[in-house]
Amino acid sequence: MKVSLMHGAGGEVMGELLRTLTNVRNRNAGGIGLEALDDGAVIPVGEYQLVFTTDSHVVRPLFFPGGDIGRLSICGTVNDLAMMGGRPLALSCGMIIEEGFAIADLERIVRSMDEALTESGAHLVTGDTKVMERGALDGIVINTSGIGIAETVVRDCGLREGDRILVSGTLGDHGLAVLTHREGFDLGEQIRSDVAPLWDLVEGALAAGEIHAMKDPTRGGFASAINEMAKKSGVRVTIDETALPVRRSVRSAGEMLGIDPLEVANEGKVVMGVPADDADAVLASLRSHRYGKDAAIVGRVTAGSRVILKTTIGGERFIEPPMGDPVPRVC
C-alpha cells in the first residue's frame, strides 16, 4: 500500500493515515496532545494554557476568487487556534519556493499574509525559506505554525445531549470557488472563497454563552467535521436540511459538478455545540459579526450515535463522513 492523494483530502482515508502517524505513546505532560487529533495541542505552562498548531498549504491555483495561498496560510493557523479557544499571538512561516517563481507573485502573497495577520491581531515572529529546483514542486508550499493563549479550552469532543449545533455561515464556498476557478468556469463573482481569520468572531461567541465543542469544517467539509465531533463525543446529531445555509450559486455549481457542498472545504466557518439555553445568545453574537451574518442553528444533539439529516421532504438519511474531500488541493 502506498500514499495517495486521498490520504491528504480529509475524511475516512486520511483518518487511516493519521492513525498510522500518531501511533505513539502519550508524552504531552498532562496537556492535550497529538493523540487527540484535535485542531491543535494544549500545553499547560504555569497558570496559562498554551495552544499550539501547525499546517501546510498547497492550494492550486495560488490565487482564487476571495483569497490566495498567503491569506489561506495565516487564516488556517489562526482558525485552528481559535477552535480551541486560543487567542492567536505568534506565527511562524516556512516557505518552499520553486526556482523560477515570479517575485511579483511572492510579493502579492506576502502582502496578503500581512493583511490577514493585522486582521487577526497576531504577529509573524520567525520563519524559513528554501528554494527547490524547477519542476520539484508546484510553485510554492507554505507551512505556518502558531501559538495562542486560552482562558477556556474548547475541544471538538465536547458535545452533550441537548446541545444545539450552530454553523457560522454558508457552507461549501471555499471548495467550490477554488474548483470552479481551477477548471475555468466563468462564474464572475457568484462564488467566492470564505477564507477569513475567525478569532474575533469566536471571542465574541465565547463571551455570549457557553460553548461545549468547536471545529472548523475544512477538508471534508461540514460532513466530515460534524461526524468527527459526534463520534468523539459519543452522541447522535440530527441536522435539519432546511436550516443549512448554502448559497444558491454554490448549490447549483455542486449539482452541475456532482459534488455535495457539505463535503467540500470551508476556510472561514466554525461548527459549534452550544447548550440550548445559550444558543440564541451565541447565534446573535455570531450574526452581529461580518463573518457570521449568515449563521444558523442547524441541529441538535441527542443520545445515540451517527449523524442524521432530516431532509426537506420529511425523510431521514445518514450524513456519512466522506472518504475524502472531492476537491483536492484546496488548502
C-alpha atoms as a PDB file:
ATOM      1  CA  MET A   1       0.000   0.000   0.000  1.00  0.00           C
ATOM      2  CA  LYS A   2       1.223   3.490  -0.875  1.00  0.00           C
ATOM      3  CA  VAL A   3       0.147   7.038  -0.012  1.00  0.00           C
ATOM      4  CA  SER A   4      -2.399   8.504  -2.441  1.00  0.00           C
ATOM      5  CA  LEU A   5      -3.953  11.946  -2.868  1.00  0.00           C
ATOM      6  CA  MET A   6      -6.969  10.688  -0.905  1.00  0.00           C
ATOM      7  CA  HIS A   7      -4.751  10.326   2.169  1.00  0.00           C
ATOM      8  CA  GLY A   8      -4.422  14.129   2.272  1.00  0.00           C
ATOM      9  CA  ALA A   9      -8.016  15.040   1.489  1.00  0.00           C
ATOM     10  CA  GLY A  10      -9.664  14.745   4.898  1.00  0.00           C
ATOM     11  CA  GLY A  11     -12.330  12.158   5.645  1.00  0.00           C
ATOM     12  CA  GLU A  12     -12.010   8.474   6.451  1.00  0.00           C
ATOM     13  CA  VAL A  13      -8.988   7.710   4.254  1.00  0.00           C
ATOM     14  CA  MET A  14      -6.955  10.497   5.814  1.00  0.00           C
ATOM     15  CA  GLY A  15      -8.036   9.246   9.235  1.00  0.00           C
ATOM     16  CA  GLU A  16      -6.429   5.887   8.483  1.00  0.00           C
ATOM     17  CA  LEU A  17      -3.135   7.604   7.638  1.00  0.00           C
ATOM     18  CA  LEU A  18      -3.292   9.768  10.756  1.00  0.00           C
ATOM     19  CA  ARG A  19      -3.811   6.715  12.935  1.00  0.00           C
ATOM     20  CA  THR A  20      -0.603   5.313  11.490  1.00  0.00           C
ATOM     21  CA  LEU A  21       1.305   8.554  12.029  1.00  0.00           C
ATOM     22  CA  THR A  22       0.050   9.057  15.585  1.00  0.00           C
ATOM     23  CA  ASN A  23       0.543   5.532  16.874  1.00  0.00           C
ATOM     24  CA  VAL A  24       2.862   6.786  19.603  1.00  0.00           C
ATOM     25  CA  ARG A  25       2.832   6.808  23.389  1.00  0.00           C
ATOM     26  CA  ASN A  26       1.285   9.896  25.020  1.00  0.00           C
ATOM     27  CA  ARG A  27       4.101  12.196  26.135  1.00  0.00           C
ATOM     28  CA  ASN A  28       2.297  15.519  26.331  1.00  0.00           C
ATOM     29  CA  ALA A  29       2.938  16.202  30.018  1.00  0.00           C
ATOM     30  CA  GLY A  30      -0.694  16.485  31.019  1.00  0.00           C
ATOM     31  CA  GLY A  31      -1.939  18.578  28.125  1.00  0.00           C
ATOM     32  CA  ILE A  32      -3.927  17.730  25.010  1.00  0.00           C
ATOM     33  CA  GLY A  33      -1.546  16.191  22.526  1.00  0.00           C
ATOM     34  CA  LEU A  34      -1.247  14.560  19.137  1.00  0.00           C
ATOM     35  CA  GLU A  35      -3.317  11.502  20.010  1.00  0.00           C
ATOM     36  CA  ALA A  36      -6.432  13.686  20.482  1.00  0.00           C
ATOM     37  CA  LEU A  37      -6.425  14.631  16.766  1.00  0.00           C
ATOM     38  CA  ASP A  38      -7.974  17.986  17.624  1.00  0.00           C
ATOM     39  CA  ASP A  39      -7.297  21.276  15.820  1.00  0.00           C
ATOM     40  CA  GLY A  40      -4.231  21.835  17.984  1.00  0.00           C
ATOM     41  CA  ALA A  41      -2.405  20.859  21.142  1.00  0.00           C
ATOM     42  CA  VAL A  42      -2.833  22.394  24.586  1.00  0.00           C
ATOM     43  CA  ILE A  43       0.226  22.595  26.821  1.00  0.00           C
ATOM     44  CA  PRO A  44      -0.127  23.827  30.412  1.00  0.00           C
ATOM     45  CA  VAL A  45       2.606  26.349  31.229  1.00  0.00           C
ATOM     46  CA  GLY A  46       2.227  27.590  34.795  1.00  0.00           C
ATOM     47  CA  GLU A  47      -1.134  29.350  35.039  1.00  0.00           C
ATOM     48  CA  TYR A  48      -1.521  29.559  31.255  1.00  0.00           C
ATOM     49  CA  GLN A  49      -2.942  27.181  28.655  1.00  0.00           C
ATOM     50  CA  LEU A  50      -0.710  27.393  25.591  1.00  0.00           C
ATOM     51  CA  VAL A  51      -2.356  26.315  22.340  1.00  0.00           C
ATOM     52  CA  PHE A  52      -0.060  25.190  19.525  1.00  0.00           C
ATOM     53  CA  THR A  53      -0.854  24.163  15.957  1.00  0.00           C
ATOM     54  CA  THR A  54       0.794  23.735  12.563  1.00  0.00           C
ATOM     55  CA  ASP A  55      -0.441  23.424   8.993  1.00  0.00           C
ATOM     56  CA  SER A  56       0.955  23.207   5.447  1.00  0.00           C
ATOM     57  CA  HIS A  57      -0.759  24.750   2.431  1.00  0.00           C
ATOM     58  CA  VAL A  58      -0.654  23.511  -1.166  1.00  0.00           C
ATOM     59  CA  VAL A  59      -3.702  25.127  -2.807  1.00  0.00           C
ATOM     60  CA  ARG A  60      -3.989  25.218  -6.592  1.00  0.00           C
ATOM     61  CA  PRO A  61      -4.426  27.757  -8.100  1.00  0.00           C
ATOM     62  CA  LEU A  62      -2.442  30.025  -5.794  1.00  0.00           C
ATOM     63  CA  PHE A  63      -4.829  32.936  -6.408  1.00  0.00           C
ATOM     64  CA  PHE A  64      -8.583  32.354  -6.444  1.00  0.00           C
ATOM     65  CA  PRO A  65     -11.783  34.412  -6.031  1.00  0.00           C
ATOM     66  CA  GLY A  66     -11.800  35.748  -2.485  1.00  0.00           C
ATOM     67  CA  GLY A  67      -8.255  34.855  -1.494  1.00  0.00           C
ATOM     68  CA  ASP A  68      -4.874  33.318  -2.175  1.00  0.00           C
ATOM     69  CA  ILE A  69      -2.381  30.930  -0.593  1.00  0.00           C
ATOM     70  CA  GLY A  70      -0.966  33.712   1.602  1.00  0.00           C
ATOM     71  CA  ARG A  71      -4.263  34.636   3.247  1.00  0.00           C
ATOM     72  CA  LEU A  72      -5.153  30.958   3.465  1.00  0.00           C
ATOM     73  CA  SER A  73      -1.937  30.060   5.288  1.00  0.00           C
ATOM     74  CA  ILE A  74      -2.489  32.672   8.003  1.00  0.00           C
ATOM     75  CA  CYS A  75      -6.216  32.105   8.423  1.00  0.00           C
ATOM     76  CA  GLY A  76      -5.837  28.327   8.549  1.00  0.00           C
ATOM     77  CA  THR A  77      -3.482  28.513  11.522  1.00  0.00           C
ATOM     78  CA  VAL A  78      -5.291  31.355  13.305  1.00  0.00           C
ATOM     79  CA  ASN A  79      -8.557  29.440  12.998  1.00  0.00           C
ATOM     80  CA  ASP A  80      -7.108  26.202  14.348  1.00  0.00           C
ATOM     81  CA  LEU A  81      -6.019  28.132  17.441  1.00  0.00           C
ATOM     82  CA  ALA A  82      -9.425  29.799  17.721  1.00  0.00           C
ATOM     83  CA  MET A  83     -11.277  26.466  17.528  1.00  0.00           C
ATOM     84  CA  MET A  84      -9.650  25.521  20.837  1.00  0.00           C
ATOM     85  CA  GLY A  85     -10.366  28.876  22.436  1.00  0.00           C
ATOM     86  CA  GLY A  86      -6.880  30.197  21.797  1.00  0.00           C
ATOM     87  CA  ARG A  87      -6.221  33.893  21.199  1.00  0.00           C
ATOM     88  CA  PRO A  88      -3.591  33.913  18.416  1.00  0.00           C
ATOM     89  CA  LEU A  89      -0.324  35.501  19.474  1.00  0.00           C
ATOM     90  CA  ALA A  90       2.552  34.498  17.220  1.00  0.00           C
ATOM     91  CA  LEU A  91       3.031  32.561  13.989  1.00  0.00           C
ATOM     92  CA  SER A  92       5.963  31.117  12.122  1.00  0.00           C
ATOM     93  CA  CYS A  93       6.194  30.746   8.357  1.00  0.00           C
ATOM     94  CA  GLY A  94       8.220  28.287   6.311  1.00  0.00           C
ATOM     95  CA  MET A  95       8.202  28.735   2.534  1.00  0.00           C
ATOM     96  CA  ILE A  96       9.459  26.249  -0.038  1.00  0.00           C
ATOM     97  CA  ILE A  97       9.638  28.053  -3.373  1.00  0.00           C
ATOM     98  CA  GLU A  98      10.207  26.610  -6.828  1.00  0.00           C
ATOM     99  CA  GLU A  99      13.003  28.067  -8.932  1.00  0.00           C
ATOM    100  CA  GLY A 100      11.525  30.500 -11.445  1.00  0.00           C
ATOM    101  CA  PHE A 101       8.637  31.606  -9.219  1.00  0.00           C
ATOM    102  CA  ALA A 102       7.650  35.199 -10.036  1.00  0.00           C
ATOM    103  CA  ILE A 103       8.856  37.723  -7.448  1.00  0.00           C
ATOM    104  CA  ALA A 104       5.750  39.833  -8.103  1.00  0.00           C
ATOM    105  CA  ASP A 105       3.547  36.878  -7.110  1.00  0.00           C
ATOM    106  CA  LEU A 106       5.646  36.314  -3.992  1.00  0.00           C
ATOM    107  CA  GLU A 107       5.244  39.964  -3.005  1.00  0.00           C
ATOM    108  CA  ARG A 108       1.485  39.687  -3.538  1.00  0.00           C
ATOM    109  CA  ILE A 109       1.336  36.596  -1.315  1.00  0.00           C
ATOM    110  CA  VAL A 110       3.350  38.270   1.455  1.00  0.00           C
ATOM    111  CA  ARG A 111       1.123  41.364   1.379  1.00  0.00           C
ATOM    112  CA  SER A 112      -1.929  39.148   1.709  1.00  0.00           C
ATOM    113  CA  MET A 113      -0.374  37.354   4.679  1.00  0.00           C
ATOM    114  CA  ASP A 114       0.370  40.676   6.354  1.00  0.00           C
ATOM    115  CA  GLU A 115      -3.220  41.872   5.882  1.00  0.00           C
ATOM    116  CA  ALA A 116      -4.598  38.665   7.431  1.00  0.00           C
ATOM    117  CA  LEU A 117      -2.166  38.929  10.348  1.00  0.00           C
ATOM    118  CA  THR A 118      -3.229  42.509  11.014  1.00  0.00           C
ATOM    119  CA  GLU A 119      -6.881  41.491  10.980  1.00  0.00           C
ATOM    120  CA  SER A 120      -6.294  38.571  13.360  1.00  0.00           C
ATOM    121  CA  GLY A 121      -4.179  40.532  15.837  1.00  0.00           C
ATOM    122  CA  ALA A 122      -1.304  38.043  15.593  1.00  0.00           C
ATOM    123  CA  HIS A 123       2.323  38.570  14.560  1.00  0.00           C
ATOM    124  CA  LEU A 124       4.737  36.671  12.350  1.00  0.00           C
ATOM    125  CA  VAL A 125       7.822  36.187  14.508  1.00  0.00           C
ATOM    126  CA  THR A 126      10.071  33.659  12.768  1.00  0.00           C
ATOM    127  CA  GLY A 127      10.407  31.798   9.505  1.00  0.00           C
ATOM    128  CA  ASP A 128      12.485  29.885   6.998  1.00  0.00           C
ATOM    129  CA  THR A 129      12.847  29.858   3.206  1.00  0.00           C
ATOM    130  CA  LYS A 130      14.035  27.112   0.891  1.00  0.00           C
ATOM    131  CA  VAL A 131      14.280  27.146  -2.916  1.00  0.00           C
ATOM    132  CA  MET A 132      13.879  23.911  -4.873  1.00  0.00           C
ATOM    133  CA  GLU A 133      14.952  23.284  -8.450  1.00  0.00           C
ATOM    134  CA  ARG A 134      12.482  23.911 -11.241  1.00  0.00           C
ATOM    135  CA  GLY A 135       9.932  21.100 -11.505  1.00  0.00           C
ATOM    136  CA  ALA A 136      10.491  19.819  -7.961  1.00  0.00           C
ATOM    137  CA  LEU A 137       7.166  21.236  -6.716  1.00  0.00           C
ATOM    138  CA  ASP A 138       4.154  23.182  -7.933  1.00  0.00           C
ATOM    139  CA  GLY A 139       5.177  26.800  -7.398  1.00  0.00           C
ATOM    140  CA  ILE A 140       5.186  27.277  -3.630  1.00  0.00           C
ATOM    141  CA  VAL A 141       4.358  25.431  -0.418  1.00  0.00           C
ATOM    142  CA  ILE A 142       3.765  27.394   2.794  1.00  0.00           C
ATOM    143  CA  ASN A 143       3.827  25.994   6.327  1.00  0.00           C
ATOM    144  CA  THR A 144       2.572  28.110   9.208  1.00  0.00           C
ATOM    145  CA  SER A 145       2.638  27.242  12.890  1.00  0.00           C
ATOM    146  CA  GLY A 146       1.035  29.270  15.625  1.00  0.00           C
ATOM    147  CA  ILE A 147       0.767  29.684  19.370  1.00  0.00           C
ATOM    148  CA  GLY A 148      -2.078  31.203  21.351  1.00  0.00           C
ATOM    149  CA  ILE A 149      -3.343  31.531  24.901  1.00  0.00           C
ATOM    150  CA  ALA A 150      -6.674  30.055  26.004  1.00  0.00           C
ATOM    151  CA  GLU A 151      -8.583  31.134  29.105  1.00  0.00           C
ATOM    152  CA  THR A 152     -11.058  28.318  28.472  1.00  0.00           C
ATOM    153  CA  VAL A 153     -10.006  25.378  26.318  1.00  0.00           C
ATOM    154  CA  VAL A 154     -12.684  24.137  23.905  1.00  0.00           C
ATOM    155  CA  ARG A 155     -12.434  20.690  22.305  1.00  0.00           C
ATOM    156  CA  ASP A 156     -14.121  19.046  19.351  1.00  0.00           C
ATOM    157  CA  CYS A 157     -15.194  16.099  21.539  1.00  0.00           C
ATOM    158  CA  GLY A 158     -17.349  18.077  23.992  1.00  0.00           C
ATOM    159  CA  LEU A 159     -20.854  17.722  22.536  1.00  0.00           C
ATOM    160  CA  ARG A 160     -23.522  16.935  25.151  1.00  0.00           C
ATOM    161  CA  GLU A 161     -27.107  15.747  24.920  1.00  0.00           C
ATOM    162  CA  GLY A 162     -29.418  18.713  24.465  1.00  0.00           C
ATOM    163  CA  ASP A 163     -26.828  20.890  22.718  1.00  0.00           C
ATOM    164  CA  ARG A 164     -27.745  22.838  19.615  1.00  0.00           C
ATOM    165  CA  ILE A 165     -25.487  22.736  16.571  1.00  0.00           C
ATOM    166  CA  LEU A 166     -24.607  26.124  15.103  1.00  0.00           C
ATOM    167  CA  VAL A 167     -22.719  26.991  11.925  1.00  0.00           C
ATOM    168  CA  SER A 168     -21.344  30.495  11.486  1.00  0.00           C
ATOM    169  CA  GLY A 169     -22.330  30.890   7.837  1.00  0.00           C
ATOM    170  CA  THR A 170     -22.817  29.438   4.383  1.00  0.00           C
ATOM    171  CA  LEU A 171     -21.183  26.107   3.592  1.00  0.00           C
ATOM    172  CA  GLY A 172     -19.120  24.948   0.613  1.00  0.00           C
ATOM    173  CA  ASP A 173     -17.981  28.389  -0.580  1.00  0.00           C
ATOM    174  CA  HIS A 174     -14.212  27.849  -0.498  1.00  0.00           C
ATOM    175  CA  GLY A 175     -14.041  24.425  -2.119  1.00  0.00           C
ATOM    176  CA  LEU A 176     -16.411  25.312  -4.957  1.00  0.00           C
ATOM    177  CA  ALA A 177     -14.704  28.682  -5.534  1.00  0.00           C
ATOM    178  CA  VAL A 178     -11.304  27.045  -5.909  1.00  0.00           C
ATOM    179  CA  LEU A 179     -12.584  24.193  -8.082  1.00  0.00           C
ATOM    180  CA  THR A 180     -14.631  26.299 -10.497  1.00  0.00           C
ATOM    181  CA  HIS A 181     -11.779  28.799 -10.896  1.00  0.00           C
ATOM    182  CA  ARG A 182      -9.272  25.980 -11.420  1.00  0.00           C
ATOM    183  CA  GLU A 183     -11.413  24.378 -14.096  1.00  0.00           C
ATOM    184  CA  GLY A 184     -12.003  27.645 -15.933  1.00  0.00           C
ATOM    185  CA  PHE A 185     -15.708  28.155 -15.253  1.00  0.00           C
ATOM    186  CA  ASP A 186     -16.557  31.825 -15.679  1.00  0.00           C
ATOM    187  CA  LEU A 187     -18.971  32.464 -12.813  1.00  0.00           C
ATOM    188  CA  GLY A 188     -17.955  36.066 -12.180  1.00  0.00           C
ATOM    189  CA  GLU A 189     -18.292  36.937  -8.500  1.00  0.00           C
ATOM    190  CA  GLN A 190     -21.073  34.429  -7.813  1.00  0.00           C
ATOM    191  CA  ILE A 191     -18.831  32.059  -5.837  1.00  0.00           C
ATOM    192  CA  ARG A 192     -16.019  33.382  -3.662  1.00  0.00           C
ATOM    193  CA  SER A 193     -13.886  31.723  -1.038  1.00  0.00           C
ATOM    194  CA  ASP A 194     -14.865  32.401   2.567  1.00  0.00           C
ATOM    195  CA  VAL A 195     -11.245  32.390   3.786  1.00  0.00           C
ATOM    196  CA  ALA A 196     -11.090  34.622   6.879  1.00  0.00           C
ATOM    197  CA  PRO A 197      -9.487  34.796  10.350  1.00  0.00           C
ATOM    198  CA  LEU A 198     -12.135  33.875  12.915  1.00  0.00           C
ATOM    199  CA  TRP A 199     -10.705  34.719  16.333  1.00  0.00           C
ATOM    200  CA  ASP A 200     -12.672  37.960  16.705  1.00  0.00           C
ATOM    201  CA  LEU A 201     -15.917  36.153  15.843  1.00  0.00           C
ATOM    202  CA  VAL A 202     -15.118  33.244  18.176  1.00  0.00           C
ATOM    203  CA  GLU A 203     -14.093  35.557  21.017  1.00  0.00           C
ATOM    204  CA  GLY A 204     -17.488  37.268  20.861  1.00  0.00           C
ATOM    205  CA  ALA A 205     -19.306  33.933  20.831  1.00  0.00           C
ATOM    206  CA  LEU A 206     -17.339  32.710  23.868  1.00  0.00           C
ATOM    207  CA  ALA A 207     -18.356  35.855  25.753  1.00  0.00           C
ATOM    208  CA  ALA A 208     -22.016  35.412  24.769  1.00  0.00           C
ATOM    209  CA  GLY A 209     -22.500  31.930  26.222  1.00  0.00           C
ATOM    210  CA  GLU A 210     -21.034  28.529  26.956  1.00  0.00           C
ATOM    211  CA  ILE A 211     -19.585  26.572  24.035  1.00  0.00           C
ATOM    212  CA  HIS A 212     -19.097  22.843  24.534  1.00  0.00           C
ATOM    213  CA  ALA A 213     -17.363  21.996  21.252  1.00  0.00           C
ATOM    214  CA  MET A 214     -15.939  23.717  18.173  1.00  0.00           C
ATOM    215  CA  LYS A 215     -14.403  22.688  14.881  1.00  0.00           C
ATOM    216  CA  ASP A 216     -13.712  24.386  11.569  1.00  0.00           C
ATOM    217  CA  PRO A 217     -15.090  22.370   8.646  1.00  0.00           C
ATOM    218  CA  THR A 218     -12.027  22.436   6.396  1.00  0.00           C
ATOM    219  CA  ARG A 219     -11.007  19.320   4.424  1.00  0.00           C
ATOM    220  CA  GLY A 220     -14.016  17.038   4.100  1.00  0.00           C
ATOM    221  CA  GLY A 221     -16.314  19.966   4.853  1.00  0.00           C
ATOM    222  CA  PHE A 222     -19.237  20.060   7.249  1.00  0.00           C
ATOM    223  CA  ALA A 223     -19.960  16.347   6.754  1.00  0.00           C
ATOM    224  CA  SER A 224     -16.512  15.349   7.979  1.00  0.00           C
ATOM    225  CA  ALA A 225     -16.442  17.849  10.854  1.00  0.00           C
ATOM    226  CA  ILE A 226     -19.856  17.009  12.322  1.00  0.00           C
ATOM    227  CA  ASN A 227     -19.225  13.266  12.069  1.00  0.00           C
ATOM    228  CA  GLU A 228     -15.887  13.624  13.839  1.00  0.00           C
ATOM    229  CA  MET A 229     -17.456  15.724  16.584  1.00  0.00           C
ATOM    230  CA  ALA A 230     -20.328  13.260  17.076  1.00  0.00           C
ATOM    231  CA  LYS A 231     -18.090  10.189  17.081  1.00  0.00           C
ATOM    232  CA  LYS A 232     -15.581  11.644  19.530  1.00  0.00           C
ATOM    233  CA  SER A 233     -18.370  12.846  21.814  1.00  0.00           C
ATOM    234  CA  GLY A 234     -20.304   9.560  21.704  1.00  0.00           C
ATOM    235  CA  VAL A 235     -23.603  11.194  20.731  1.00  0.00           C
ATOM    236  CA  ARG A 236     -26.152  11.367  17.944  1.00  0.00           C
ATOM    237  CA  VAL A 237     -26.567  14.577  15.949  1.00  0.00           C
ATOM    238  CA  THR A 238     -29.682  15.367  13.930  1.00  0.00           C
ATOM    239  CA  ILE A 239     -29.340  18.071  11.271  1.00  0.00           C
ATOM    240  CA  ASP A 240     -32.268  19.924   9.677  1.00  0.00           C
ATOM    241  CA  GLU A 241     -31.564  20.223   5.948  1.00  0.00           C
ATOM    242  CA  THR A 242     -33.862  23.232   5.598  1.00  0.00           C
ATOM    243  CA  ALA A 243     -31.766  25.133   8.170  1.00  0.00           C
ATOM    244  CA  LEU A 244     -28.391  24.546   6.481  1.00  0.00           C
ATOM    245  CA  PRO A 245     -27.125  27.800   4.932  1.00  0.00           C
ATOM    246  CA  VAL A 246     -25.852  27.073   1.401  1.00  0.00           C
ATOM    247  CA  ARG A 247     -25.710  29.754  -1.285  1.00  0.00           C
ATOM    248  CA  ARG A 248     -27.839  29.091  -4.346  1.00  0.00           C
ATOM    249  CA  SER A 249     -24.807  29.557  -6.611  1.00  0.00           C
ATOM    250  CA  VAL A 250     -22.811  27.016  -4.598  1.00  0.00           C
ATOM    251  CA  ARG A 251     -25.675  24.531  -4.604  1.00  0.00           C
ATOM    252  CA  SER A 252     -26.116  24.933  -8.368  1.00  0.00           C
ATOM    253  CA  ALA A 253     -22.392  24.519  -9.045  1.00  0.00           C
ATOM    254  CA  GLY A 254     -22.350  21.442  -6.819  1.00  0.00           C
ATOM    255  CA  GLU A 255     -25.257  19.901  -8.698  1.00  0.00           C
ATOM    256  CA  MET A 256     -23.602  20.641 -12.038  1.00  0.00           C
ATOM    257  CA  LEU A 257     -20.335  19.011 -10.928  1.00  0.00           C
ATOM    258  CA  GLY A 258     -21.874  16.177  -8.911  1.00  0.00           C
ATOM    259  CA  ILE A 259     -20.370  17.455  -5.651  1.00  0.00           C
ATOM    260  CA  ASP A 260     -22.136  17.777  -2.299  1.00  0.00           C
ATOM    261  CA  PRO A 261     -21.392  21.246  -0.821  1.00  0.00           C
ATOM    262  CA  LEU A 262     -21.448  19.652   2.647  1.00  0.00           C
ATOM    263  CA  GLU A 263     -18.352  17.618   1.728  1.00  0.00           C
ATOM    264  CA  VAL A 264     -16.081  20.403   0.468  1.00  0.00           C
ATOM    265  CA  ALA A 265     -13.740  22.603   2.444  1.00  0.00           C
ATOM    266  CA  ASN A 266     -14.613  25.872   4.165  1.00  0.00           C
ATOM    267  CA  GLU A 267     -11.891  28.251   5.354  1.00  0.00           C
ATOM    268  CA  GLY A 268     -13.884  30.852   7.261  1.00  0.00           C
ATOM    269  CA  LYS A 269     -16.573  28.929   9.128  1.00  0.00           C
ATOM    270  CA  VAL A 270     -16.986  27.273  12.515  1.00  0.00           C
ATOM    271  CA  VAL A 271     -19.280  24.491  13.740  1.00  0.00           C
ATOM    272  CA  MET A 272     -20.297  24.808  17.396  1.00  0.00           C
ATOM    273  CA  GLY A 273     -22.076  22.735  20.001  1.00  0.00           C
ATOM    274  CA  VAL A 274     -23.876  25.070  22.413  1.00  0.00           C
ATOM    275  CA  PRO A 275     -26.243  24.424  25.359  1.00  0.00           C
ATOM    276  CA  ALA A 276     -29.853  25.046  24.363  1.00  0.00           C
ATOM    277  CA  ASP A 277     -30.226  27.881  26.891  1.00  0.00           C
ATOM    278  CA  ASP A 278     -27.263  29.753  25.342  1.00  0.00           C
ATOM    279  CA  ALA A 279     -27.932  29.010  21.679  1.00  0.00           C
ATOM    280  CA  ASP A 280     -29.901  32.169  20.872  1.00  0.00           C
ATOM    281  CA  ALA A 281     -27.363  34.450  22.564  1.00  0.00           C
ATOM    282  CA  VAL A 282     -24.409  32.813  20.793  1.00  0.00           C
ATOM    283  CA  LEU A 283     -26.289  32.942  17.488  1.00  0.00           C
ATOM    284  CA  ALA A 284     -26.969  36.660  17.964  1.00  0.00           C
ATOM    285  CA  SER A 285     -23.286  37.247  18.668  1.00  0.00           C
ATOM    286  CA  LEU A 286     -22.265  35.386  15.509  1.00  0.00           C
ATOM    287  CA  ARG A 287     -24.773  37.274  13.371  1.00  0.00           C
ATOM    288  CA  SER A 288     -23.534  40.628  14.701  1.00  0.00           C
ATOM    289  CA  HIS A 289     -20.090  39.926  13.178  1.00  0.00           C
ATOM    290  CA  ARG A 290     -19.396  40.435   9.472  1.00  0.00           C
ATOM    291  CA  TYR A 291     -18.146  36.850   9.147  1.00  0.00           C
ATOM    292  CA  GLY A 292     -21.213  35.421  10.883  1.00  0.00           C
ATOM    293  CA  LYS A 293     -24.165  37.269   9.332  1.00  0.00           C
ATOM    294  CA  ASP A 294     -25.496  34.014   7.800  1.00  0.00           C
ATOM    295  CA  ALA A 295     -25.089  31.966  10.993  1.00  0.00           C
ATOM    296  CA  ALA A 296     -27.807  29.457  11.798  1.00  0.00           C
ATOM    297  CA  ILE A 297     -28.894  26.819  14.293  1.00  0.00           C
ATOM    298  CA  VAL A 298     -28.932  23.681  12.159  1.00  0.00           C
ATOM    299  CA  GLY A 299     -29.413  20.739  14.516  1.00  0.00           C
ATOM    300  CA  ARG A 300     -29.450  19.194  17.958  1.00  0.00           C
ATOM    301  CA  VAL A 301     -27.601  16.563  19.963  1.00  0.00           C
ATOM    302  CA  THR A 302     -29.317  13.535  21.482  1.00  0.00           C
ATOM    303  CA  ALA A 303     -28.355  10.165  22.910  1.00  0.00           C
ATOM    304  CA  GLY A 304     -27.159   7.580  20.418  1.00  0.00           C
ATOM    305  CA  SER A 305     -24.690   7.605  17.562  1.00  0.00           C
ATOM    306  CA  ARG A 306     -24.284   8.686  13.923  1.00  0.00           C
ATOM    307  CA  VAL A 307     -25.313  11.903  12.176  1.00  0.00           C
ATOM    308  CA  ILE A 308     -28.835  12.054  10.752  1.00  0.00           C
ATOM    309  CA  LEU A 309     -30.156  14.524   8.167  1.00  0.00           C
ATOM    310  CA  LYS A 310     -33.854  15.405   8.249  1.00  0.00           C
ATOM    311  CA  THR A 311     -34.454  16.107   4.572  1.00  0.00           C
ATOM    312  CA  THR A 312     -36.533  18.848   3.004  1.00  0.00           C
ATOM    313  CA  ILE A 313     -39.219  16.307   2.023  1.00  0.00           C
ATOM    314  CA  GLY A 314     -39.553  14.953   5.560  1.00  0.00           C
ATOM    315  CA  GLY A 315     -37.389  11.854   5.314  1.00  0.00           C
ATOM    316  CA  GLU A 316     -34.180  10.942   7.089  1.00  0.00           C
ATOM    317  CA  ARG A 317     -30.784   9.752   5.904  1.00  0.00           C
ATOM    318  CA  PHE A 318     -27.300   9.441   7.299  1.00  0.00           C
ATOM    319  CA  ILE A 319     -24.733  12.167   6.705  1.00  0.00           C
ATOM    320  CA  GLU A 320     -21.773   9.889   6.155  1.00  0.00           C
ATOM    321  CA  PRO A 321     -18.193  11.010   6.718  1.00  0.00           C
ATOM    322  CA  PRO A 322     -16.718  11.373   3.214  1.00  0.00           C
ATOM    323  CA  MET A 323     -13.854   9.133   2.162  1.00  0.00           C
ATOM    324  CA  GLY A 324     -12.035  12.332   1.264  1.00  0.00           C
ATOM    325  CA  ASP A 325     -12.683  15.862   0.065  1.00  0.00           C
ATOM    326  CA  PRO A 326     -13.917  15.582  -3.554  1.00  0.00           C
ATOM    327  CA  VAL A 327     -11.964  18.753  -4.374  1.00  0.00           C
ATOM    328  CA  PRO A 328      -8.205  18.148  -3.890  1.00  0.00           C
ATOM    329  CA  ARG A 329      -5.591  20.862  -3.408  1.00  0.00           C
ATOM    330  CA  VAL A 330      -7.894  23.451  -1.845  1.00  0.00           C
ATOM    331  CA  CYS A 331      -5.938  24.268   1.332  1.00  0.00           C
END
